[in-house]
Amino acid sequence: MQRVLMNGSVAGVFFATAAIAGVFSWEASGATAGGKGGYKLVPHRAVYDMKLGEKEDNSGIAGLAGRMVYEFSGNACDGYSVNFRFVTRFQNTDGGSQVTDLQTTSFEEPQAESYQFLSKTYVDQELVEESRGTAKAGAEAKTVELKEPSEKSLKINPEVMFPTEHLLKILDSAESGVSFIAADIYDGAETGEKVYSTTTVIGAKAPSQVEAGPENPDASLAGLHYWPVTVAYFDPTDEDATGELTPVYQLSFWLYQNGVSGHLTLDYGDFTIKGKMAALELYDESDCNR
């Protein structure tokens, strides 16, 4: 069960695919500093209640409950900051339980020039994994300087995307009618040495099913449209006997035209985690004159 949150790239999934709560405002016409499709990221704080979805008998999980908090700030001129926390309590079929706590912070410079990250994973309040470092873009390669879990330098392909860079690509593709994206992503997950391959499938635009009303935390989504999106994460080093890759996990969600994501599902193969929005707060935007 630890694989769910021992894998720091869970946070990366959210950063790179509307971050489970990526909030945007769309302009009537023309491009803005946020992206080519005429949108810009809006600072916000989103909270999701998480629970166990479908499970197979061999999953070893009897129950699951948790909460995810995602805070986003910044703009296309100054860069983007993210604070993310995902706390989950698992109940085993043998009667035991375990609390995992994934905490990450990151800062991505404009135009994906560099990416700074710190990720910590606690299991029953004990620190079991930490990564910290900086990745910088270059013409020939991206260079990663790790500080934790040990000091190390490595190079990754210059085509590899940072999280917010990937997020903007998904939104631009959705608005342009592109239904499939393949991209390699680096988010500093686990030991900070792993690059994930991803495939993103974007479905047809559909009208929102959210009802307006002060009792609904997602009432602001009423009257909007959304795209159903599924992102699969693959570990390129994890081939099966036939040489095929199977996803480490998949994230499915509804990406609304203002960038908010709902109807979350994390699929790990033998069990799923469902996420429902519990609160959404939008912050004042900072000026960006580019």
Protein backbone atom coordinates (compact mmCIF):
# COMPACT_ATOMS: atom_id res chain seq x y z
CA MET A 1 0.00 0.00 0.00
CA GLN A 2 2.87 2.40 0.56
CA ARG A 3 3.34 2.59 -3.19
CA VAL A 4 0.44 5.04 -3.41
CA LEU A 5 2.16 7.84 -1.56
CA MET A 6 5.71 6.62 -1.39
CA ASN A 7 5.66 7.56 -5.05
CA GLY A 8 6.21 11.32 -4.98
CA SER A 9 5.15 11.72 -8.57
CA VAL A 10 1.53 11.56 -7.40
CA ALA A 11 2.00 15.27 -6.77
CA GLY A 12 3.57 15.67 -10.15
CA VAL A 13 0.51 14.22 -11.77
CA PHE A 14 -1.59 16.99 -10.31
CA PHE A 15 0.85 19.70 -11.25
CA ALA A 16 1.14 18.50 -14.80
CA THR A 17 -2.48 17.74 -15.54
CA ALA A 18 -4.39 20.69 -14.13
CA ALA A 19 -2.98 19.75 -10.79
CA ILE A 20 -6.32 18.37 -9.71
CA ALA A 21 -7.32 21.95 -9.10
CA GLY A 22 -5.59 24.09 -11.71
CA VAL A 23 -7.74 27.18 -11.93
CA PHE A 24 -7.70 29.39 -15.01
CA SER A 25 -9.50 32.40 -16.39
CA TRP A 26 -10.07 32.48 -20.12
CA GLU A 27 -9.94 35.68 -22.17
CA ALA A 28 -12.48 36.40 -24.87
CA SER A 29 -9.84 36.70 -27.57
CA GLY A 30 -6.09 36.86 -28.05
CA ALA A 31 -3.29 35.18 -26.14
CA THR A 32 -2.30 36.13 -22.62
CA ALA A 33 0.88 35.66 -20.63
CA GLY A 34 -0.35 32.32 -19.36
CA GLY A 35 -0.39 30.35 -22.56
CA LYS A 36 -1.00 30.30 -26.30
CA GLY A 37 -4.67 29.38 -25.98
CA GLY A 38 -5.85 32.68 -24.45
CA TYR A 39 -5.84 31.70 -20.76
CA LYS A 40 -3.83 32.43 -17.65
CA LEU A 41 -3.41 30.57 -14.40
CA VAL A 42 -5.23 32.04 -11.41
CA PRO A 43 -3.88 31.74 -7.83
CA HIS A 44 -6.08 29.46 -5.74
CA ARG A 45 -6.43 26.91 -2.97
CA ALA A 46 -8.39 23.71 -3.59
CA VAL A 47 -9.28 20.95 -1.12
CA TYR A 48 -10.41 17.45 -2.07
CA ASP A 49 -11.83 14.66 0.06
CA MET A 50 -10.36 11.32 -1.03
CA LYS A 51 -11.87 7.86 -0.58
CA LEU A 52 -11.43 4.31 -1.79
CA GLY A 53 -13.11 3.52 -5.11
CA GLU A 54 -13.13 0.12 -6.81
CA LYS A 55 -10.74 -2.55 -5.54
CA GLU A 56 -9.78 -6.11 -6.36
CA ASP A 57 -9.70 -8.88 -3.78
CA ASN A 58 -5.90 -9.08 -3.94
CA SER A 59 -5.37 -5.37 -3.27
CA GLY A 60 -4.96 -5.92 0.49
CA ILE A 61 -6.93 -2.73 1.18
CA ALA A 62 -10.06 -2.74 3.33
CA GLY A 63 -10.62 1.02 3.50
CA LEU A 64 -9.12 4.40 2.65
CA ALA A 65 -9.87 8.02 3.53
CA GLY A 66 -7.87 11.18 3.11
CA ARG A 67 -7.62 14.80 2.07
CA MET A 68 -5.65 16.59 -0.60
CA VAL A 69 -4.80 20.30 -0.46
CA TYR A 70 -3.35 22.15 -3.44
CA GLU A 71 -2.22 25.79 -3.41
CA PHE A 72 -1.07 27.63 -6.51
CA SER A 73 0.35 31.14 -6.88
CA GLY A 74 2.32 33.24 -9.34
CA ASN A 75 2.02 34.21 -12.98
CA ALA A 76 3.73 33.84 -16.34
CA CYS A 77 6.04 36.80 -15.62
CA ASP A 78 7.29 35.82 -12.17
CA GLY A 79 6.92 32.04 -12.30
CA TYR A 80 4.62 29.56 -10.58
CA SER A 81 4.70 28.24 -7.01
CA VAL A 82 2.88 25.14 -5.77
CA ASN A 83 2.28 23.78 -2.28
CA PHE A 84 0.72 20.34 -2.18
CA ARG A 85 -0.23 17.96 0.63
CA PHE A 86 -1.91 14.57 0.38
CA VAL A 87 -2.70 12.74 3.65
CA THR A 88 -4.30 9.30 3.53
CA ARG A 89 -5.19 6.64 6.09
CA PHE A 90 -5.24 3.07 4.79
CA GLN A 91 -6.88 0.13 6.49
CA ASN A 92 -5.45 -3.31 5.73
CA THR A 93 -7.49 -6.43 5.27
CA ASP A 94 -5.50 -7.90 8.19
CA GLY A 95 -6.81 -5.21 10.53
CA GLY A 96 -3.83 -2.86 10.53
CA SER A 97 -3.73 0.76 9.40
CA GLN A 98 -1.21 3.24 8.04
CA VAL A 99 -1.15 7.01 7.54
CA THR A 100 0.87 8.41 4.66
CA ASP A 101 1.60 12.12 4.28
CA LEU A 102 3.07 13.47 1.04
CA GLN A 103 4.22 17.11 1.15
CA THR A 104 5.72 18.94 -1.80
CA THR A 105 6.63 22.49 -2.72
CA SER A 106 7.93 23.68 -6.07
CA PHE A 107 8.73 26.77 -8.09
CA GLU A 108 8.86 26.86 -11.89
CA GLU A 109 10.37 29.85 -13.66
CA PRO A 110 8.67 31.50 -16.65
CA GLN A 111 9.11 29.64 -19.94
CA ALA A 112 10.18 26.55 -17.92
CA GLU A 113 13.70 27.93 -17.55
CA SER A 114 14.20 26.13 -14.24
CA TYR A 115 12.31 24.04 -11.69
CA GLN A 116 12.99 23.90 -7.93
CA PHE A 117 11.41 21.21 -5.78
CA LEU A 118 11.22 19.74 -2.30
CA SER A 119 9.23 16.57 -1.62
CA LYS A 120 8.83 14.67 1.66
CA THR A 121 6.89 11.50 2.40
CA TYR A 122 5.97 10.46 5.93
CA VAL A 123 4.54 7.10 6.98
CA ASP A 124 2.96 7.14 10.43
CA GLN A 125 4.75 10.48 11.06
CA GLU A 126 8.17 9.04 10.19
CA LEU A 127 10.09 10.59 7.30
CA VAL A 128 10.76 7.79 4.82
CA GLU A 129 11.61 9.66 1.61
CA GLU A 130 12.87 13.12 0.67
CA SER A 131 14.06 14.74 -2.53
CA ARG A 132 15.28 18.30 -3.07
CA GLY A 133 16.97 19.93 -6.00
CA THR A 134 16.88 22.21 -9.03
CA ALA A 135 16.53 21.40 -12.72
CA LYS A 136 17.59 23.93 -15.37
CA ALA A 137 16.84 24.02 -19.07
CA GLY A 138 19.64 23.99 -21.63
CA ALA A 139 20.07 23.71 -25.38
CA GLU A 140 21.63 20.23 -25.25
CA ALA A 141 20.05 18.89 -22.06
CA LYS A 142 18.29 19.78 -18.85
CA THR A 143 20.65 19.63 -15.87
CA VAL A 144 19.44 18.44 -12.46
CA GLU A 145 21.35 19.32 -9.29
CA LEU A 146 20.14 17.17 -6.39
CA LYS A 147 20.71 18.02 -2.72
CA GLU A 148 18.57 15.25 -1.21
CA PRO A 149 18.56 12.28 -0.74
CA SER A 150 22.21 12.81 -1.75
CA GLU A 151 24.18 15.38 -3.71
CA LYS A 152 24.27 14.38 -7.35
CA SER A 153 24.22 15.91 -10.84
CA LEU A 154 22.46 14.35 -13.80
CA LYS A 155 21.26 15.32 -17.26
CA ILE A 156 17.89 14.63 -18.84
CA ASN A 157 16.59 15.11 -22.36
CA PRO A 158 15.88 18.77 -23.25
CA GLU A 159 12.44 17.69 -24.52
CA VAL A 160 11.39 16.60 -21.02
CA MET A 161 8.72 18.93 -19.62
CA PHE A 162 8.37 20.45 -16.18
CA PRO A 163 4.92 20.21 -14.49
CA THR A 164 3.37 23.61 -15.24
CA GLU A 165 4.80 23.52 -18.74
CA HIS A 166 2.93 20.26 -19.31
CA LEU A 167 -0.21 21.69 -17.71
CA LEU A 168 -0.28 24.57 -20.18
CA LYS A 169 0.21 22.17 -23.07
CA ILE A 170 -2.80 20.10 -22.01
CA LEU A 171 -5.04 23.16 -21.76
CA ASP A 172 -3.87 24.52 -25.08
CA SER A 173 -4.41 21.13 -26.71
CA ALA A 174 -7.91 20.76 -25.24
CA GLU A 175 -9.00 24.15 -26.50
CA SER A 176 -7.47 23.42 -29.94
CA GLY A 177 -9.26 20.09 -30.30
CA VAL A 178 -6.15 17.92 -29.95
CA SER A 179 -7.14 14.60 -28.36
CA PHE A 180 -3.78 12.92 -27.64
CA ILE A 181 -0.48 14.09 -26.15
CA ALA A 182 2.68 12.09 -25.44
CA ALA A 183 5.28 13.75 -23.22
CA ASP A 184 8.07 12.94 -20.79
CA ILE A 185 7.73 14.69 -17.42
CA TYR A 186 10.22 15.54 -14.66
CA ASP A 187 8.84 16.61 -11.27
CA GLY A 188 11.60 15.59 -8.84
CA ALA A 189 9.60 12.58 -7.67
CA GLU A 190 10.97 9.82 -5.43
CA THR A 191 14.78 10.16 -5.40
CA GLY A 192 14.73 12.97 -7.95
CA GLU A 193 16.33 10.82 -10.65
CA LYS A 194 13.24 9.56 -12.48
CA VAL A 195 11.61 10.82 -15.67
CA TYR A 196 8.11 9.52 -16.40
CA SER A 197 6.64 8.96 -19.84
CA THR A 198 3.03 10.05 -20.08
CA THR A 199 0.15 9.80 -22.51
CA THR A 200 -2.81 12.15 -22.22
CA VAL A 201 -6.18 11.45 -23.82
CA ILE A 202 -8.59 14.40 -24.08
CA GLY A 203 -12.25 13.66 -24.77
CA ALA A 204 -14.93 15.78 -26.42
CA LYS A 205 -16.13 18.97 -24.76
CA ALA A 206 -19.33 18.47 -22.73
CA PRO A 207 -21.65 20.73 -20.70
CA SER A 208 -21.16 20.91 -16.93
CA GLN A 209 -23.40 18.77 -14.72
CA VAL A 210 -22.76 20.96 -11.65
CA GLU A 211 -25.76 22.77 -10.16
CA ALA A 212 -25.52 26.32 -8.88
CA GLY A 213 -26.11 26.98 -5.19
CA PRO A 214 -24.24 28.23 -2.11
CA GLU A 215 -24.19 24.73 -0.62
CA ASN A 216 -22.05 23.38 -3.48
CA PRO A 217 -18.28 23.95 -3.20
CA ASP A 218 -18.00 23.64 -6.99
CA ALA A 219 -21.05 25.80 -7.77
CA SER A 220 -18.91 28.16 -9.86
CA LEU A 221 -18.58 25.36 -12.43
CA ALA A 222 -22.30 25.51 -13.25
CA GLY A 223 -22.94 26.56 -16.84
CA LEU A 224 -19.40 25.80 -17.99
CA HIS A 225 -18.05 23.10 -20.28
CA TYR A 226 -15.41 20.49 -19.51
CA TRP A 227 -13.17 17.94 -21.21
CA PRO A 228 -12.78 14.40 -19.81
CA VAL A 229 -9.03 13.83 -19.50
CA THR A 230 -7.00 10.71 -18.67
CA VAL A 231 -3.25 10.82 -18.08
CA ALA A 232 -1.27 7.57 -17.85
CA TYR A 233 2.17 7.59 -16.17
CA PHE A 234 4.77 5.03 -17.24
CA ASP A 235 8.16 4.13 -15.80
CA PRO A 236 10.39 3.60 -18.89
CA THR A 237 12.60 1.19 -16.92
CA ASP A 238 9.70 -1.08 -15.96
CA GLU A 239 8.99 -3.32 -18.96
CA ASP A 240 7.17 -6.64 -18.67
CA ALA A 241 8.36 -9.92 -20.19
CA THR A 242 7.01 -8.94 -23.62
CA GLY A 243 8.78 -5.59 -23.59
CA GLU A 244 5.50 -3.72 -23.08
CA LEU A 245 5.00 -0.92 -20.59
CA THR A 246 1.98 -0.82 -18.31
CA PRO A 247 1.00 2.37 -16.46
CA VAL A 248 2.27 2.87 -12.94
CA TYR A 249 -1.05 4.63 -12.44
CA GLN A 250 -3.60 6.69 -14.35
CA LEU A 251 -5.33 9.92 -13.42
CA SER A 252 -8.77 10.69 -14.85
CA PHE A 253 -10.65 13.94 -14.27
CA TRP A 254 -12.97 16.49 -15.82
CA LEU A 255 -11.08 19.59 -16.90
CA TYR A 256 -13.44 22.55 -17.00
CA GLN A 257 -13.05 25.46 -19.40
CA ASN A 258 -11.91 27.69 -16.51
CA GLY A 259 -9.26 25.10 -15.60
CA VAL A 260 -10.86 23.58 -12.50
CA SER A 261 -10.71 19.78 -12.33
CA GLY A 262 -13.40 17.55 -10.85
CA HIS A 263 -14.46 13.91 -10.76
CA LEU A 264 -10.96 12.70 -9.89
CA THR A 265 -9.88 9.09 -10.10
CA LEU A 266 -6.40 7.72 -9.38
CA ASP A 267 -6.19 4.20 -10.79
CA TYR A 268 -3.41 1.90 -9.53
CA GLY A 269 -4.64 -1.22 -11.28
CA ASP A 270 -5.96 -3.25 -8.35
CA PHE A 271 -7.63 -0.31 -6.61
CA THR A 272 -8.69 3.27 -7.28
CA ILE A 273 -8.88 6.47 -5.23
CA LYS A 274 -11.74 8.91 -5.84
CA GLY A 275 -11.51 12.64 -5.15
CA LYS A 276 -14.39 15.07 -4.59
CA MET A 277 -13.96 18.83 -4.23
CA ALA A 278 -14.61 20.00 -0.66
CA ALA A 279 -13.56 23.66 -1.00
CA LEU A 280 -12.23 26.05 -3.59
CA GLU A 281 -10.83 29.53 -2.89
CA LEU A 282 -9.59 31.89 -5.58
CA TYR A 283 -6.94 34.49 -4.69
CA ASP A 284 -6.29 37.90 -6.16
CA GLU A 285 -4.19 37.82 -9.29
CA SER A 286 -0.81 39.52 -9.41
CA ASP A 287 -0.05 41.80 -12.35
CA CYS A 288 1.85 40.43 -15.33
CA ASN A 289 2.73 42.92 -18.04
CA ARG A 290 4.36 40.63 -20.57
